[in-house]
Protein backbone atom coordinates (compact mmCIF):
# COMPACT_ATOMS: atom_id res chain seq x y z
CA UNK A 1 63.26 4.61 28.71
CA UNK A 2 61.55 2.78 25.88
CA UNK A 3 61.35 -0.39 27.96
CA UNK A 4 59.73 1.53 30.83
CA UNK A 5 57.12 3.02 28.47
CA UNK A 6 56.20 -0.40 27.06
CA UNK A 7 55.79 -1.88 30.55
CA UNK A 8 53.67 1.10 31.61
CA UNK A 9 51.38 0.79 28.54
CA UNK A 10 51.07 -2.95 29.14
CA UNK A 11 49.99 -2.40 32.75
CA UNK A 12 47.46 0.27 31.77
CA UNK A 13 45.99 -2.07 29.13
CA UNK A 14 45.66 -4.91 31.64
CA UNK A 15 44.03 -2.62 34.22
CA UNK A 16 41.54 -1.23 31.65
CA UNK A 17 40.56 -4.67 30.38
CA UNK A 18 40.01 -6.11 33.84
CA UNK A 19 38.19 -3.06 35.20
CA UNK A 20 35.80 -2.79 32.25
CA UNK A 21 34.84 -6.43 32.59
CA UNK A 22 33.86 -6.25 36.25
CA UNK A 23 30.95 -4.69 38.10
CA UNK A 24 30.76 -2.90 41.43
CA UNK A 25 28.20 -5.29 42.95
CA UNK A 26 28.92 -8.93 43.36
CA UNK A 27 26.59 -11.32 41.59
CA UNK A 28 25.23 -12.42 44.97
CA UNK A 29 23.66 -9.03 45.69
CA UNK A 30 22.41 -8.52 42.15
CA UNK A 31 20.36 -11.73 42.04
CA UNK A 32 18.95 -11.13 45.53
CA UNK A 33 17.61 -7.70 44.44
CA UNK A 34 15.86 -9.21 41.39
CA UNK A 35 14.25 -11.91 43.54
CA UNK A 36 12.97 -9.33 46.04
CA UNK A 37 11.51 -7.18 43.23
CA UNK A 38 9.72 -10.20 41.77
CA UNK A 39 8.06 -11.13 45.08
CA UNK A 40 6.58 -7.69 45.88
CA UNK A 41 2.77 -8.03 45.57
CA UNK A 42 0.67 -5.56 43.62
CA UNK A 43 -1.10 -3.00 45.74
CA UNK A 44 -4.45 -3.30 43.94
CA UNK A 45 -5.51 -6.34 41.90
CA UNK A 46 -6.86 -5.66 38.42
CA UNK A 47 -10.19 -7.31 39.20
CA UNK A 48 -11.08 -4.65 41.79
CA UNK A 49 -10.69 -1.70 39.43
CA UNK A 50 -13.99 -0.01 38.70
CA UNK A 51 -14.36 1.61 35.30
CA UNK A 52 -17.17 4.03 35.92
CA UNK A 53 -16.00 7.02 33.93
CA UNK A 54 -18.80 8.40 31.77
CA UNK A 55 -17.46 10.31 28.77
CA UNK A 56 -20.82 11.18 27.17
CA UNK A 57 -20.80 14.75 28.59
CA UNK A 58 -17.58 15.29 26.63
CA UNK A 59 -18.98 14.05 23.31
CA UNK A 60 -18.32 16.60 20.58
CA UNK A 61 -20.75 16.94 17.70
CA UNK A 62 -19.27 18.78 14.74
CA UNK A 63 -21.67 20.85 12.68
CA UNK A 64 -20.28 22.11 9.44
CA UNK A 65 -22.61 23.62 6.86
CA UNK A 66 -19.97 23.58 4.13
CA UNK A 67 -19.69 19.80 3.90
CA UNK A 68 -22.29 17.61 2.30
CA UNK A 69 -22.72 13.86 2.25
CA UNK A 70 -21.68 12.16 -0.97
CA UNK A 71 -22.98 8.73 -2.00
CA UNK A 72 -20.52 5.95 -2.72
CA UNK A 73 -22.27 3.75 -5.29
CA UNK A 74 -23.40 4.91 -8.70
CA UNK A 75 -24.38 3.29 -11.98
CA UNK A 76 -22.89 6.16 -13.98
CA UNK A 77 -20.39 4.80 -16.52
CA UNK A 78 -18.45 8.06 -16.52
CA UNK A 79 -17.30 7.59 -12.94
CA UNK A 80 -13.86 6.08 -12.52
CA UNK A 81 -14.47 4.29 -9.23
CA UNK A 82 -17.65 2.27 -9.14
CA UNK A 83 -18.48 -1.20 -7.91
CA UNK A 84 -18.75 -4.20 -10.22
CA UNK A 85 -22.38 -4.98 -10.89
CA UNK A 86 -23.54 -8.48 -9.99
CA UNK A 87 -25.63 -8.87 -13.14
CA UNK A 88 -22.44 -8.80 -15.26
CA UNK A 89 -21.88 -12.41 -14.24
CA UNK A 90 -25.13 -13.41 -15.94
CA UNK A 91 -24.48 -11.58 -19.21
CA UNK A 92 -23.06 -13.06 -22.40
CA UNK A 93 -19.86 -11.69 -23.93
CA UNK A 94 -19.96 -10.94 -27.67
CA UNK A 95 -16.81 -10.17 -29.67
CA UNK A 96 -17.26 -7.52 -32.35
CA UNK A 97 -15.27 -4.71 -33.98
CA UNK A 98 -14.78 -1.68 -31.76
CA UNK A 99 -12.18 0.60 -30.22
CA UNK A 100 -9.64 0.44 -27.40
CA UNK A 101 -7.07 2.85 -26.00
CA UNK A 102 -3.49 1.69 -26.50
CA UNK A 103 -1.31 2.83 -23.61
CA UNK A 104 2.02 1.15 -24.39
CA UNK A 105 3.78 -0.83 -27.10
CA UNK A 106 7.03 -2.47 -25.96
CA UNK A 107 9.19 -5.51 -26.58
CA UNK A 108 9.52 -6.24 -22.83
CA UNK A 109 6.77 -8.40 -21.28
CA UNK A 110 7.64 -7.31 -17.72
CA UNK A 111 7.30 -3.65 -18.67
CA UNK A 112 3.92 -4.38 -20.27
CA UNK A 113 2.67 -6.20 -17.16
CA UNK A 114 3.89 -3.35 -14.96
CA UNK A 115 2.05 -0.82 -17.12
CA UNK A 116 -1.08 -3.00 -16.94
CA UNK A 117 -1.00 -2.96 -13.14
CA UNK A 118 -0.30 0.80 -13.08
CA UNK A 119 -3.33 1.48 -15.28
CA UNK A 120 -5.50 -0.84 -13.18
CA UNK A 121 -4.60 0.76 -9.86
CA UNK A 122 -5.00 4.29 -11.20
CA UNK A 123 -8.30 3.80 -13.02
CA UNK A 124 -9.84 0.64 -11.51
CA UNK A 125 -10.80 -0.55 -15.01
CA UNK A 126 -11.20 -4.30 -15.45
CA UNK A 127 -10.86 -4.22 -19.24
CA UNK A 128 -7.06 -4.05 -19.54
CA UNK A 129 -5.44 -6.33 -22.09
CA UNK A 130 -1.83 -7.25 -22.86
CA UNK A 131 -1.61 -8.67 -26.38
CA UNK A 132 1.40 -9.88 -28.31
CA UNK A 133 1.66 -8.76 -31.92
CA UNK A 134 5.21 -9.65 -33.02
CA UNK A 135 7.56 -8.08 -32.13
CA UNK A 136 5.66 -5.95 -29.57
CA UNK A 137 3.54 -6.42 -26.46
CA UNK A 138 0.68 -3.92 -26.49
CA UNK A 139 -1.27 -2.73 -23.45
CA UNK A 140 -4.84 -1.74 -24.36
CA UNK A 141 -7.66 -0.47 -22.15
CA UNK A 142 -11.43 -0.52 -22.56
CA UNK A 143 -14.08 -2.04 -24.79
CA UNK A 144 -15.92 0.64 -26.77
CA UNK A 145 -18.23 0.35 -29.76
CA UNK A 146 -17.75 4.01 -30.76
CA UNK A 147 -14.56 6.06 -30.99
CA UNK A 148 -16.03 8.83 -28.80
CA UNK A 149 -16.03 6.62 -25.68
CA UNK A 150 -12.46 5.56 -26.38
CA UNK A 151 -11.44 9.20 -26.91
CA UNK A 152 -12.91 10.13 -23.52
CA UNK A 153 -10.92 7.35 -21.85
CA UNK A 154 -7.76 8.40 -23.73
CA UNK A 155 -8.22 11.94 -22.43
CA UNK A 156 -8.64 10.70 -18.84
CA UNK A 157 -5.57 8.48 -19.11
CA UNK A 158 -3.60 11.38 -20.55
CA UNK A 159 -4.64 13.50 -17.55
CA UNK A 160 -3.43 10.71 -15.23
CA UNK A 161 0.05 10.82 -16.76
CA UNK A 162 -0.10 8.19 -19.51
CA UNK A 163 1.10 10.47 -22.29
CA UNK A 164 1.46 7.92 -25.11
CA UNK A 165 -2.22 6.96 -25.38
CA UNK A 166 -3.91 6.51 -28.74
CA UNK A 167 -7.26 5.12 -29.86
CA UNK A 168 -6.94 1.99 -32.00
CA UNK A 169 -9.47 -0.20 -33.78
CA UNK A 170 -9.66 -3.69 -32.29
CA UNK A 171 -12.00 -6.59 -31.65
CA UNK A 172 -13.71 -5.81 -28.34
CA UNK A 173 -15.78 -7.75 -25.80
CA UNK A 174 -19.32 -6.41 -25.46
CA UNK A 175 -21.53 -7.58 -22.57
CA UNK A 176 -25.11 -8.41 -23.65
């Protein structure tokens, strides 16, 4: 009985393998159908299509009294997102005592660089410095002559999620 079962399973396996590997159509018919489909011409060439649909009657003009137009460029220093002024390239940089906002002090340079890029992309400030004062890398933002400007920036950074900010005295770059 065991021998009969083994022979039966062997035959079923052979039949399944050979039947799954074959198709109903012969390859002759299959390739002929593809050739016929490729030679059927298009009913209308693309060059004869006329695009004369006029959609101007369907133009929708939205009128909303609640919205107002806001300008994009401002010279206000309190704005976070403003464009770099071209006359900054012609100014002279003077180094003098002032204040900066320290965001991070760490012993890992990669962490300091990552924090620098995070601050830049969140605030769009160009004055972001990574300095090394052994044994720490310090990330500082801004160039302020008075502590009040640095305190305002520290408050804004704190609101953005940088919770370890503090105002520190430093030598700053002033544009004249």
